[in-house]
Amino acid sequence: MSKKFWLSVLVTFILLYALEFVLHAIILTGFYNSHPDGLLREEIMVQRMHWMAVGFLVWSYLWVYFFNRFATQKNLMKGIHHGVSYMIFLNVPKAFIWYASIDISGYSYLYWTIGEVIMGAIIGAVMGAIMAEKEAAVTT
């Protein structure tokens, strides 16, 4: 695997970690805190934060791997398309599962899914730009 691949994995990991933090710890925190028992157990999360990093690293690797393996072209627009598709594929079913198991507003899952799809577009754009193939020169 190329340097571009590994650079894309690293950048995807950093963006994924940062954007997930913004989405869940800043944007959606009101939804989580509106639950009478509170859903985010910060003391447990701090103790297990290394597992979150491992999960994001595996997620980043797989995301870049699938783009590298299956994208017919590698460019900014294909990256955005891949990122949005990837997040819809992952998050729409996950939202139904979480909605069935965690007692918070259905709107939180809607916002969660929308946020994840926007995140997918951003990360996909960066991934596509990093992995972009040079266009062959056209000779006449």
C-alpha atoms as a PDB file:
ATOM      1  CA  MET A   1       0.000   0.000   0.000  1.00  0.00           C
ATOM      2  CA  SER A   2       1.229   3.418  -0.976  1.00  0.00           C
ATOM      3  CA  LYS A   3       2.237   6.429   1.079  1.00  0.00           C
ATOM      4  CA  LYS A   4      -0.960   8.119  -0.132  1.00  0.00           C
ATOM      5  CA  PHE A   5      -2.984   5.270   1.325  1.00  0.00           C
ATOM      6  CA  TRP A   6      -1.370   5.496   4.763  1.00  0.00           C
ATOM      7  CA  LEU A   7      -1.496   9.304   4.744  1.00  0.00           C
ATOM      8  CA  SER A   8      -5.194   9.067   3.924  1.00  0.00           C
ATOM      9  CA  VAL A   9      -5.735   6.596   6.802  1.00  0.00           C
ATOM     10  CA  LEU A  10      -3.969   8.971   9.218  1.00  0.00           C
ATOM     11  CA  VAL A  11      -5.851  12.070   8.040  1.00  0.00           C
ATOM     12  CA  THR A  12      -9.163  10.171   8.037  1.00  0.00           C
ATOM     13  CA  PHE A  13      -8.478   9.001  11.602  1.00  0.00           C
ATOM     14  CA  ILE A  14      -7.735  12.539  12.805  1.00  0.00           C
ATOM     15  CA  LEU A  15     -10.778  14.019  11.044  1.00  0.00           C
ATOM     16  CA  LEU A  16     -13.054  11.207  12.160  1.00  0.00           C
ATOM     17  CA  TYR A  17     -11.960  11.517  15.783  1.00  0.00           C
ATOM     18  CA  ALA A  18     -12.274  15.321  15.757  1.00  0.00           C
ATOM     19  CA  LEU A  19     -15.601  15.475  13.906  1.00  0.00           C
ATOM     20  CA  GLU A  20     -17.153  12.723  16.029  1.00  0.00           C
ATOM     21  CA  PHE A  21     -16.123  14.741  19.105  1.00  0.00           C
ATOM     22  CA  VAL A  22     -17.713  17.904  17.690  1.00  0.00           C
ATOM     23  CA  LEU A  23     -20.910  16.054  16.748  1.00  0.00           C
ATOM     24  CA  HIS A  24     -21.401  14.099  19.949  1.00  0.00           C
ATOM     25  CA  ALA A  25     -19.659  16.139  22.660  1.00  0.00           C
ATOM     26  CA  ILE A  26     -20.728  19.564  21.442  1.00  0.00           C
ATOM     27  CA  ILE A  27     -23.684  19.461  19.028  1.00  0.00           C
ATOM     28  CA  LEU A  28     -25.659  16.502  20.417  1.00  0.00           C
ATOM     29  CA  THR A  29     -24.710  16.840  24.078  1.00  0.00           C
ATOM     30  CA  GLY A  30     -28.028  18.559  24.827  1.00  0.00           C
ATOM     31  CA  PHE A  31     -29.924  15.553  23.537  1.00  0.00           C
ATOM     32  CA  TYR A  32     -27.864  13.183  25.627  1.00  0.00           C
ATOM     33  CA  ASN A  33     -28.126  15.332  28.747  1.00  0.00           C
ATOM     34  CA  SER A  34     -31.896  15.699  28.364  1.00  0.00           C
ATOM     35  CA  HIS A  35     -32.265  12.069  29.400  1.00  0.00           C
ATOM     36  CA  PRO A  36     -33.054  11.850  33.137  1.00  0.00           C
ATOM     37  CA  ASP A  37     -30.184   9.444  33.826  1.00  0.00           C
ATOM     38  CA  GLY A  38     -27.771  11.075  31.385  1.00  0.00           C
ATOM     39  CA  LEU A  39     -26.530   8.830  28.622  1.00  0.00           C
ATOM     40  CA  LEU A  40     -22.887   9.752  28.372  1.00  0.00           C
ATOM     41  CA  ARG A  41     -21.013   8.372  31.343  1.00  0.00           C
ATOM     42  CA  GLU A  42     -17.927  10.537  31.156  1.00  0.00           C
ATOM     43  CA  GLU A  43     -16.078   8.699  33.925  1.00  0.00           C
ATOM     44  CA  ILE A  44     -16.447   5.413  32.032  1.00  0.00           C
ATOM     45  CA  MET A  45     -15.639   7.016  28.688  1.00  0.00           C
ATOM     46  CA  VAL A  46     -12.402   8.497  30.028  1.00  0.00           C
ATOM     47  CA  GLN A  47     -11.302   5.091  31.323  1.00  0.00           C
ATOM     48  CA  ARG A  48     -12.082   3.444  27.982  1.00  0.00           C
ATOM     49  CA  MET A  49     -10.967   6.229  25.626  1.00  0.00           C
ATOM     50  CA  HIS A  50      -8.154   4.090  24.223  1.00  0.00           C
ATOM     51  CA  TRP A  51     -10.772   1.658  22.851  1.00  0.00           C
ATOM     52  CA  MET A  52     -12.468   4.542  21.067  1.00  0.00           C
ATOM     53  CA  ALA A  53      -9.154   5.427  19.426  1.00  0.00           C
ATOM     54  CA  VAL A  54      -8.663   1.797  18.351  1.00  0.00           C
ATOM     55  CA  GLY A  55     -12.184   1.719  16.905  1.00  0.00           C
ATOM     56  CA  PHE A  56     -11.655   4.965  14.985  1.00  0.00           C
ATOM     57  CA  LEU A  57      -8.324   3.700  13.651  1.00  0.00           C
ATOM     58  CA  VAL A  58      -9.892   0.451  12.382  1.00  0.00           C
ATOM     59  CA  TRP A  59     -12.832   2.434  10.980  1.00  0.00           C
ATOM     60  CA  SER A  60     -10.439   4.815   9.195  1.00  0.00           C
ATOM     61  CA  TYR A  61      -8.394   1.982   7.733  1.00  0.00           C
ATOM     62  CA  LEU A  62     -11.489   0.197   6.413  1.00  0.00           C
ATOM     63  CA  TRP A  63     -12.958   3.410   5.034  1.00  0.00           C
ATOM     64  CA  VAL A  64      -9.806   4.180   3.045  1.00  0.00           C
ATOM     65  CA  TYR A  65      -9.348   0.542   2.065  1.00  0.00           C
ATOM     66  CA  PHE A  66     -12.845   0.311   0.553  1.00  0.00           C
ATOM     67  CA  PHE A  67     -12.379   3.591  -1.303  1.00  0.00           C
ATOM     68  CA  ASN A  68      -8.970   2.500  -2.601  1.00  0.00           C
ATOM     69  CA  ARG A  69     -10.226  -0.959  -3.551  1.00  0.00           C
ATOM     70  CA  PHE A  70     -13.603  -0.213  -5.101  1.00  0.00           C
ATOM     71  CA  ALA A  71     -13.587   3.356  -6.421  1.00  0.00           C
ATOM     72  CA  THR A  72     -13.255   3.286 -10.190  1.00  0.00           C
ATOM     73  CA  GLN A  73     -11.756   6.760 -10.072  1.00  0.00           C
ATOM     74  CA  LYS A  74     -10.057   8.478  -7.201  1.00  0.00           C
ATOM     75  CA  ASN A  75     -10.767  12.191  -7.031  1.00  0.00           C
ATOM     76  CA  LEU A  76     -12.524  14.763  -4.883  1.00  0.00           C
ATOM     77  CA  MET A  77     -16.053  14.103  -6.174  1.00  0.00           C
ATOM     78  CA  LYS A  78     -15.708  10.321  -5.957  1.00  0.00           C
ATOM     79  CA  GLY A  79     -14.390  10.796  -2.422  1.00  0.00           C
ATOM     80  CA  ILE A  80     -17.447  12.836  -1.451  1.00  0.00           C
ATOM     81  CA  HIS A  81     -19.748  10.258  -3.036  1.00  0.00           C
ATOM     82  CA  HIS A  82     -17.949   7.430  -1.229  1.00  0.00           C
ATOM     83  CA  GLY A  83     -17.978   9.282   2.101  1.00  0.00           C
ATOM     84  CA  VAL A  84     -21.681  10.082   1.949  1.00  0.00           C
ATOM     85  CA  SER A  85     -22.590   6.568   0.777  1.00  0.00           C
ATOM     86  CA  TYR A  86     -20.397   4.982   3.431  1.00  0.00           C
ATOM     87  CA  MET A  87     -21.963   6.998   6.245  1.00  0.00           C
ATOM     88  CA  ILE A  88     -25.518   6.397   5.013  1.00  0.00           C
ATOM     89  CA  PHE A  89     -24.775   2.682   4.770  1.00  0.00           C
ATOM     90  CA  LEU A  90     -23.384   2.632   8.317  1.00  0.00           C
ATOM     91  CA  ASN A  91     -25.588   5.111  10.116  1.00  0.00           C
ATOM     92  CA  VAL A  92     -29.128   4.726   8.849  1.00  0.00           C
ATOM     93  CA  PRO A  93     -29.437   1.119  10.082  1.00  0.00           C
ATOM     94  CA  LYS A  94     -27.447   2.008  13.211  1.00  0.00           C
ATOM     95  CA  ALA A  95     -29.844   4.859  14.015  1.00  0.00           C
ATOM     96  CA  PHE A  96     -32.799   2.451  14.076  1.00  0.00           C
ATOM     97  CA  ILE A  97     -30.870   0.054  16.301  1.00  0.00           C
ATOM     98  CA  TRP A  98     -29.823   2.792  18.722  1.00  0.00           C
ATOM     99  CA  TYR A  99     -33.339   4.262  18.713  1.00  0.00           C
ATOM    100  CA  ALA A 100     -34.694   0.883  19.796  1.00  0.00           C
ATOM    101  CA  SER A 101     -32.156   0.552  22.605  1.00  0.00           C
ATOM    102  CA  ILE A 102     -31.556   4.062  23.990  1.00  0.00           C
ATOM    103  CA  ASP A 103     -34.397   6.181  25.282  1.00  0.00           C
ATOM    104  CA  ILE A 104     -33.797   9.563  23.696  1.00  0.00           C
ATOM    105  CA  SER A 105     -35.662  11.584  21.122  1.00  0.00           C
ATOM    106  CA  GLY A 106     -35.946  10.294  17.581  1.00  0.00           C
ATOM    107  CA  TYR A 107     -34.813  13.753  16.483  1.00  0.00           C
ATOM    108  CA  SER A 108     -31.447  13.118  18.085  1.00  0.00           C
ATOM    109  CA  TYR A 109     -30.953  10.164  15.768  1.00  0.00           C
ATOM    110  CA  LEU A 110     -32.072  12.204  12.793  1.00  0.00           C
ATOM    111  CA  TYR A 111     -29.557  14.918  13.682  1.00  0.00           C
ATOM    112  CA  TRP A 112     -26.960  12.246  14.440  1.00  0.00           C
ATOM    113  CA  THR A 113     -27.435  10.673  11.012  1.00  0.00           C
ATOM    114  CA  ILE A 114     -27.422  14.027   9.211  1.00  0.00           C
ATOM    115  CA  GLY A 115     -24.271  15.000  11.098  1.00  0.00           C
ATOM    116  CA  GLU A 116     -22.574  11.722  10.219  1.00  0.00           C
ATOM    117  CA  VAL A 117     -23.481  12.099   6.525  1.00  0.00           C
ATOM    118  CA  ILE A 118     -22.078  15.650   6.470  1.00  0.00           C
ATOM    119  CA  MET A 119     -18.987  14.296   8.218  1.00  0.00           C
ATOM    120  CA  GLY A 120     -18.757  11.615   5.523  1.00  0.00           C
ATOM    121  CA  ALA A 121     -18.816  14.261   2.796  1.00  0.00           C
ATOM    122  CA  ILE A 122     -16.021  16.227   4.482  1.00  0.00           C
ATOM    123  CA  ILE A 123     -13.821  13.217   5.178  1.00  0.00           C
ATOM    124  CA  GLY A 124     -14.579  11.730   1.759  1.00  0.00           C
ATOM    125  CA  ALA A 125     -13.568  14.981   0.052  1.00  0.00           C
ATOM    126  CA  VAL A 126     -10.243  15.039   1.887  1.00  0.00           C
ATOM    127  CA  MET A 127      -9.673  11.332   1.236  1.00  0.00           C
ATOM    128  CA  GLY A 128     -10.500  11.776  -2.455  1.00  0.00           C
ATOM    129  CA  ALA A 129      -8.151  14.735  -2.724  1.00  0.00           C
ATOM    130  CA  ILE A 130      -5.298  12.824  -1.085  1.00  0.00           C
ATOM    131  CA  MET A 131      -5.849   9.654  -3.111  1.00  0.00           C
ATOM    132  CA  ALA A 132      -6.509  11.502  -6.404  1.00  0.00           C
ATOM    133  CA  GLU A 133      -4.950   9.928  -9.432  1.00  0.00           C
ATOM    134  CA  LYS A 134      -3.162  12.091 -11.938  1.00  0.00           C
ATOM    135  CA  GLU A 135      -5.080  12.364 -15.156  1.00  0.00           C
ATOM    136  CA  ALA A 136      -3.339  10.970 -18.192  1.00  0.00           C
ATOM    137  CA  ALA A 137      -2.244  13.547 -20.722  1.00  0.00           C
ATOM    138  CA  VAL A 138      -4.457  13.572 -23.799  1.00  0.00           C
ATOM    139  CA  THR A 139      -2.531  13.444 -27.054  1.00  0.00           C
ATOM    140  CA  THR A 140      -3.999  14.446 -30.364  1.00  0.00           C
END
